[in-house]
C-alpha cells in the first residue's frame, strides 16, 4: 500500500504545482508539455484527480493512528 500512497502523493504534488502555476502565471505546464487537451494530457489530469480523491483517505488513516 505504501507504493500506491507515494504514487498518489507524487501526482497530487504535480497537480498542485500545475494549479499554482495556472493561478499565479496563467501557465498550464501539462498543456505545454503534452499539448492542449491531448489524449495524454487528459490522462494526466484524470490520474491527478483520482490521486487527489485517493489522498482524502490519508485523513482517515491519520485519525485512526491517533487513537
PDB file of N, CA and C in Angstrom:
ATOM      1  N   UNK A   1       0.817  -1.195   0.000  1.00  0.00           N
ATOM      2  CA  UNK A   1       0.000   0.000   0.000  1.00  0.00           C
ATOM      3  C   UNK A   1       0.863   1.261   0.000  1.00  0.00           C
ATOM      4  N   UNK A   2       2.067   1.173   0.559  1.00  0.00           N
ATOM      5  CA  UNK A   2       2.921   2.353   0.614  1.00  0.00           C
ATOM      6  C   UNK A   2       3.279   2.870  -0.783  1.00  0.00           C
ATOM      7  N   UNK A   3       3.521   1.973  -1.719  1.00  0.00           N
ATOM      8  CA  UNK A   3       3.877   2.410  -3.080  1.00  0.00           C
ATOM      9  C   UNK A   3       2.730   3.198  -3.702  1.00  0.00           C
ATOM     10  N   UNK A   4       1.507   2.729  -3.492  1.00  0.00           N
ATOM     11  CA  UNK A   4       0.335   3.435  -4.015  1.00  0.00           C
ATOM     12  C   UNK A   4       0.193   4.801  -3.345  1.00  0.00           C
ATOM     13  N   UNK A   5       0.457   4.850  -2.038  1.00  0.00           N
ATOM     14  CA  UNK A   5       0.396   6.125  -1.318  1.00  0.00           C
ATOM     15  C   UNK A   5       1.412   7.122  -1.878  1.00  0.00           C
ATOM     16  N   UNK A   6       2.631   6.671  -2.091  1.00  0.00           N
ATOM     17  CA  UNK A   6       3.670   7.558  -2.628  1.00  0.00           C
ATOM     18  C   UNK A   6       3.358   8.000  -4.059  1.00  0.00           C
ATOM     19  N   UNK A   7       2.835   7.093  -4.864  1.00  0.00           N
ATOM     20  CA  UNK A   7       2.462   7.456  -6.231  1.00  0.00           C
ATOM     21  C   UNK A   7       1.347   8.502  -6.223  1.00  0.00           C
ATOM     22  N   UNK A   8       0.346   8.278  -5.373  1.00  0.00           N
ATOM     23  CA  UNK A   8      -0.758   9.240  -5.269  1.00  0.00           C
ATOM     24  C   UNK A   8      -0.243  10.588  -4.778  1.00  0.00           C
ATOM     25  N   UNK A   9       0.616  10.569  -3.771  1.00  0.00           N
ATOM     26  CA  UNK A   9       1.165  11.815  -3.249  1.00  0.00           C
ATOM     27  C   UNK A   9       1.976  12.546  -4.315  1.00  0.00           C
ATOM     28  N   UNK A  10       2.751  11.821  -5.096  1.00  0.00           N
ATOM     29  CA  UNK A  10       3.515  12.437  -6.183  1.00  0.00           C
ATOM     30  C   UNK A  10       2.609  13.100  -7.207  1.00  0.00           C
ATOM     31  N   UNK A  11       1.534  12.429  -7.587  1.00  0.00           N
ATOM     32  CA  UNK A  11       0.597  13.003  -8.551  1.00  0.00           C
ATOM     33  C   UNK A  11      -0.128  14.218  -7.974  1.00  0.00           C
ATOM     34  N   UNK A  12      -0.452  14.160  -6.688  1.00  0.00           N
ATOM     35  CA  UNK A  12      -1.098  15.313  -6.058  1.00  0.00           C
ATOM     36  C   UNK A  12      -0.147  16.504  -6.044  1.00  0.00           C
ATOM     37  N   UNK A  13       1.125  16.269  -5.769  1.00  0.00           N
ATOM     38  CA  UNK A  13       2.112  17.351  -5.784  1.00  0.00           C
ATOM     39  C   UNK A  13       2.245  17.931  -7.180  1.00  0.00           C
ATOM     40  N   UNK A  14       2.301  17.087  -8.197  1.00  0.00           N
ATOM     41  CA  UNK A  14       2.354  17.572  -9.585  1.00  0.00           C
ATOM     42  C   UNK A  14       1.132  18.428  -9.889  1.00  0.00           C
ATOM     43  N   UNK A  15      -0.030  17.962  -9.456  1.00  0.00           N
ATOM     44  CA  UNK A  15      -1.263  18.718  -9.688  1.00  0.00           C
ATOM     45  C   UNK A  15      -1.262  20.062  -8.986  1.00  0.00           C
ATOM     46  N   UNK A  16      -0.767  20.092  -7.747  1.00  0.00           N
ATOM     47  CA  UNK A  16      -0.755  21.362  -7.025  1.00  0.00           C
ATOM     48  C   UNK A  16       0.232  22.340  -7.632  1.00  0.00           C
ATOM     49  N   UNK A  17       1.356  21.838  -8.093  1.00  0.00           N
ATOM     50  CA  UNK A  17       2.314  22.721  -8.773  1.00  0.00           C
ATOM     51  C   UNK A  17       1.683  23.289 -10.036  1.00  0.00           C
ATOM     52  N   UNK A  18       1.025  22.432 -10.817  1.00  0.00           N
ATOM     53  CA  UNK A  18       0.389  22.895 -12.053  1.00  0.00           C
ATOM     54  C   UNK A  18      -0.687  23.931 -11.761  1.00  0.00           C
ATOM     55  N   UNK A  19      -1.554  23.668 -10.755  1.00  0.00           N
ATOM     56  CA  UNK A  19      -2.603  24.638 -10.417  1.00  0.00           C
ATOM     57  C   UNK A  19      -2.015  25.927  -9.863  1.00  0.00           C
ATOM     58  N   UNK A  20      -0.927  25.833  -9.125  1.00  0.00           N
ATOM     59  CA  UNK A  20      -0.253  27.037  -8.650  1.00  0.00           C
ATOM     60  C   UNK A  20       0.269  27.882  -9.806  1.00  0.00           C
ATOM     61  N   UNK A  21       0.854  27.223 -10.800  1.00  0.00           N
ATOM     62  CA  UNK A  21       1.336  27.943 -11.988  1.00  0.00           C
ATOM     63  C   UNK A  21       0.184  28.569 -12.762  1.00  0.00           C
ATOM     64  N   UNK A  22      -0.922  27.855 -12.866  1.00  0.00           N
ATOM     65  CA  UNK A  22      -2.086  28.398 -13.561  1.00  0.00           C
ATOM     66  C   UNK A  22      -2.611  29.624 -12.818  1.00  0.00           C
ATOM     67  N   UNK A  23      -2.721  29.518 -11.508  1.00  0.00           N
ATOM     68  CA  UNK A  23      -3.262  30.620 -10.720  1.00  0.00           C
ATOM     69  C   UNK A  23      -2.356  31.837 -10.677  1.00  0.00           C
ATOM     70  N   UNK A  24      -1.064  31.617 -10.556  1.00  0.00           N
ATOM     71  CA  UNK A  24      -0.132  32.733 -10.418  1.00  0.00           C
ATOM     72  C   UNK A  24       0.280  33.354 -11.749  1.00  0.00           C
ATOM     73  N   UNK A  25       0.478  32.499 -12.760  1.00  0.00           N
ATOM     74  CA  UNK A  25       1.057  32.990 -14.013  1.00  0.00           C
ATOM     75  C   UNK A  25       0.259  32.658 -15.264  1.00  0.00           C
ATOM     76  N   UNK A  26      -0.925  32.044 -15.088  1.00  0.00           N
ATOM     77  CA  UNK A  26      -1.725  31.605 -16.231  1.00  0.00           C
ATOM     78  C   UNK A  26      -0.907  30.703 -17.166  1.00  0.00           C
ATOM     79  N   UNK A  27      -0.123  29.817 -16.574  1.00  0.00           N
ATOM     80  CA  UNK A  27       0.767  28.928 -17.315  1.00  0.00           C
ATOM     81  C   UNK A  27       0.414  27.489 -16.971  1.00  0.00           C
ATOM     82  N   UNK A  28      -0.124  26.746 -17.933  1.00  0.00           N
ATOM     83  CA  UNK A  28      -0.511  25.353 -17.738  1.00  0.00           C
ATOM     84  C   UNK A  28       0.625  24.455 -18.224  1.00  0.00           C
ATOM     85  N   UNK A  29       1.417  23.962 -17.283  1.00  0.00           N
ATOM     86  CA  UNK A  29       2.594  23.163 -17.611  1.00  0.00           C
ATOM     87  C   UNK A  29       2.226  21.863 -18.311  1.00  0.00           C
ATOM     88  N   UNK A  30       1.150  21.216 -17.894  1.00  0.00           N
ATOM     89  CA  UNK A  30       0.732  19.956 -18.526  1.00  0.00           C
ATOM     90  C   UNK A  30       0.397  20.189 -19.995  1.00  0.00           C
ATOM     91  N   UNK A  31      -0.318  21.278 -20.295  1.00  0.00           N
ATOM     92  CA  UNK A  31      -0.660  21.579 -21.692  1.00  0.00           C
ATOM     93  C   UNK A  31       0.572  21.908 -22.513  1.00  0.00           C
ATOM     94  N   UNK A  32       1.532  22.577 -21.900  1.00  0.00           N
ATOM     95  CA  UNK A  32       2.761  22.923 -22.623  1.00  0.00           C
ATOM     96  C   UNK A  32       3.549  21.658 -22.961  1.00  0.00           C
ATOM     97  N   UNK A  33       3.626  20.739 -22.015  1.00  0.00           N
ATOM     98  CA  UNK A  33       4.416  19.528 -22.238  1.00  0.00           C
ATOM     99  C   UNK A  33       3.695  18.535 -23.152  1.00  0.00           C
ATOM    100  N   UNK A  34       2.387  18.316 -22.923  1.00  0.00           N
ATOM    101  CA  UNK A  34       1.683  17.245 -23.616  1.00  0.00           C
ATOM    102  C   UNK A  34       0.670  17.716 -24.653  1.00  0.00           C
ATOM    103  N   UNK A  35       0.483  19.013 -24.793  1.00  0.00           N
ATOM    104  CA  UNK A  35      -0.477  19.533 -25.758  1.00  0.00           C
ATOM    105  C   UNK A  35      -1.782  19.903 -25.083  1.00  0.00           C
ATOM    106  N   UNK A  36      -2.460  20.870 -25.689  1.00  0.00           N
ATOM    107  CA  UNK A  36      -3.698  21.383 -25.114  1.00  0.00           C
ATOM    108  C   UNK A  36      -4.810  20.350 -25.247  1.00  0.00           C
ATOM    109  N   UNK A  37      -5.178  19.733 -24.134  1.00  0.00           N
ATOM    110  CA  UNK A  37      -6.222  18.710 -24.042  1.00  0.00           C
ATOM    111  C   UNK A  37      -6.003  17.547 -25.017  1.00  0.00           C
ATOM    112  N   UNK A  38      -4.730  17.193 -25.203  1.00  0.00           N
ATOM    113  CA  UNK A  38      -4.442  15.974 -25.962  1.00  0.00           C
ATOM    114  C   UNK A  38      -4.891  14.785 -25.139  1.00  0.00           C
ATOM    115  N   UNK A  39      -4.921  13.636 -25.734  1.00  0.00           N
ATOM    116  CA  UNK A  39      -5.339  12.434 -25.019  1.00  0.00           C
ATOM    117  C   UNK A  39      -4.448  12.187 -23.813  1.00  0.00           C
ATOM    118  N   UNK A  40      -3.145  12.360 -23.995  1.00  0.00           N
ATOM    119  CA  UNK A  40      -2.220  12.106 -22.891  1.00  0.00           C
ATOM    120  C   UNK A  40      -2.401  13.139 -21.783  1.00  0.00           C
ATOM    121  N   UNK A  41      -2.627  14.394 -22.136  1.00  0.00           N
ATOM    122  CA  UNK A  41      -2.865  15.428 -21.127  1.00  0.00           C
ATOM    123  C   UNK A  41      -4.128  15.113 -20.335  1.00  0.00           C
ATOM    124  N   UNK A  42      -5.153  14.638 -21.009  1.00  0.00           N
ATOM    125  CA  UNK A  42      -6.400  14.271 -20.316  1.00  0.00           C
ATOM    126  C   UNK A  42      -6.173  13.100 -19.368  1.00  0.00           C
ATOM    127  N   UNK A  43      -5.323  12.158 -19.770  1.00  0.00           N
ATOM    128  CA  UNK A  43      -4.979  11.036 -18.894  1.00  0.00           C
ATOM    129  C   UNK A  43      -4.259  11.554 -17.649  1.00  0.00           C
ATOM    130  N   UNK A  44      -3.324  12.479 -17.827  1.00  0.00           N
ATOM    131  CA  UNK A  44      -2.602  13.075 -16.694  1.00  0.00           C
ATOM    132  C   UNK A  44      -3.586  13.759 -15.752  1.00  0.00           C
ATOM    133  N   UNK A  45      -4.472  14.593 -16.305  1.00  0.00           N
ATOM    134  CA  UNK A  45      -5.464  15.285 -15.467  1.00  0.00           C
ATOM    135  C   UNK A  45      -6.346  14.285 -14.727  1.00  0.00           C
ATOM    136  N   UNK A  46      -6.744  13.207 -15.393  1.00  0.00           N
ATOM    137  CA  UNK A  46      -7.586  12.192 -14.769  1.00  0.00           C
ATOM    138  C   UNK A  46      -6.850  11.483 -13.638  1.00  0.00           C
ATOM    139  N   UNK A  47      -5.586  11.121 -13.877  1.00  0.00           N
ATOM    140  CA  UNK A  47      -4.797  10.458 -12.844  1.00  0.00           C
ATOM    141  C   UNK A  47      -4.581  11.370 -11.636  1.00  0.00           C
ATOM    142  N   UNK A  48      -4.329  12.654 -11.887  1.00  0.00           N
ATOM    143  CA  UNK A  48      -4.156  13.607 -10.790  1.00  0.00           C
ATOM    144  C   UNK A  48      -5.453  13.728  -9.983  1.00  0.00           C
ATOM    145  N   UNK A  49      -6.592  13.763 -10.668  1.00  0.00           N
ATOM    146  CA  UNK A  49      -7.879  13.834  -9.978  1.00  0.00           C
ATOM    147  C   UNK A  49      -8.156  12.601  -9.139  1.00  0.00           C
ATOM    148  N   UNK A  50      -7.874  11.438  -9.687  1.00  0.00           N
ATOM    149  CA  UNK A  50      -8.068  10.190  -8.940  1.00  0.00           C
ATOM    150  C   UNK A  50      -7.121  10.152  -7.739  1.00  0.00           C
ATOM    151  N   UNK A  51      -5.882  10.589  -7.954  1.00  0.00           N
ATOM    152  CA  UNK A  51      -4.915  10.617  -6.849  1.00  0.00           C
ATOM    153  C   UNK A  51      -5.371  11.568  -5.746  1.00  0.00           C
ATOM    154  N   UNK A  52      -5.968  12.684  -6.134  1.00  0.00           N
ATOM    155  CA  UNK A  52      -6.482  13.622  -5.140  1.00  0.00           C
ATOM    156  C   UNK A  52      -7.600  13.015  -4.319  1.00  0.00           C
ATOM    157  N   UNK A  53      -8.488  12.292  -4.980  1.00  0.00           N
ATOM    158  CA  UNK A  53      -9.568  11.621  -4.253  1.00  0.00           C
ATOM    159  C   UNK A  53      -9.017  10.527  -3.338  1.00  0.00           C
ATOM    160  N   UNK A  54      -8.031   9.797  -3.833  1.00  0.00           N
ATOM    161  CA  UNK A  54      -7.402   8.758  -3.021  1.00  0.00           C
ATOM    162  C   UNK A  54      -6.700   9.374  -1.813  1.00  0.00           C
ATOM    163  N   UNK A  55      -6.086  10.536  -2.004  1.00  0.00           N
ATOM    164  CA  UNK A  55      -5.365  11.200  -0.912  1.00  0.00           C
ATOM    165  C   UNK A  55      -6.303  11.600   0.223  1.00  0.00           C
ATOM    166  N   UNK A  56      -7.574  11.737  -0.051  1.00  0.00           N
ATOM    167  CA  UNK A  56      -8.531  12.022   1.010  1.00  0.00           C
ATOM    168  C   UNK A  56      -8.554  10.911   2.060  1.00  0.00           C
ATOM    169  N   UNK A  57      -8.209   9.694   1.652  1.00  0.00           N
ATOM    170  CA  UNK A  57      -8.176   8.587   2.610  1.00  0.00           C
ATOM    171  C   UNK A  57      -7.043   8.745   3.616  1.00  0.00           C
ATOM    172  N   UNK A  58      -6.046   9.579   3.302  1.00  0.00           N
ATOM    173  CA  UNK A  58      -4.949   9.808   4.240  1.00  0.00           C
ATOM    174  C   UNK A  58      -5.478  10.382   5.547  1.00  0.00           C
ATOM    175  N   UNK A  59      -6.502  11.231   5.482  1.00  0.00           N
ATOM    176  CA  UNK A  59      -7.063  11.838   6.688  1.00  0.00           C
ATOM    177  C   UNK A  59      -7.640  10.781   7.622  1.00  0.00           C
ATOM    178  N   UNK A  60      -8.335   9.819   7.071  1.00  0.00           N
ATOM    179  CA  UNK A  60      -8.905   8.748   7.882  1.00  0.00           C
ATOM    180  C   UNK A  60      -7.821   7.899   8.519  1.00  0.00           C
ATOM    181  N   UNK A  61      -6.731   7.656   7.794  1.00  0.00           N
ATOM    182  CA  UNK A  61      -5.659   6.850   8.340  1.00  0.00           C
ATOM    183  C   UNK A  61      -4.901   7.587   9.428  1.00  0.00           C
ATOM    184  N   UNK A  62      -4.706   8.886   9.267  1.00  0.00           N
ATOM    185  CA  UNK A  62      -4.015   9.658  10.291  1.00  0.00           C
ATOM    186  C   UNK A  62      -4.860   9.697  11.551  1.00  0.00           C
ATOM    187  N   UNK A  63      -6.144   9.900  11.392  1.00  0.00           N
ATOM    188  CA  UNK A  63      -7.048   9.950  12.549  1.00  0.00           C
ATOM    189  C   UNK A  63      -7.058   8.606  13.289  1.00  0.00           C
ATOM    190  N   UNK A  64      -7.040   7.499  12.535  1.00  0.00           N
ATOM    191  CA  UNK A  64      -7.061   6.194  13.180  1.00  0.00           C
ATOM    192  C   UNK A  64      -5.731   5.899  13.875  1.00  0.00           C
ATOM    193  N   UNK A  65      -4.632   6.498  13.438  1.00  0.00           N
ATOM    194  CA  UNK A  65      -3.343   6.314  14.076  1.00  0.00           C
ATOM    195  C   UNK A  65      -3.249   7.059  15.408  1.00  0.00           C
ATOM    196  N   UNK A  66      -4.040   8.128  15.549  1.00  0.00           N
ATOM    197  CA  UNK A  66      -4.021   8.916  16.778  1.00  0.00           C
ATOM    198  C   UNK A  66      -4.636   8.153  17.941  1.00  0.00           C
ATOM    199  N   UNK A  67      -5.572   7.283  17.656  1.00  0.00           N
ATOM    200  CA  UNK A  67      -6.284   6.556  18.731  1.00  0.00           C
ATOM    201  C   UNK A  67      -5.497   5.386  19.235  1.00  0.00           C
TER     202      UNK A  67
END
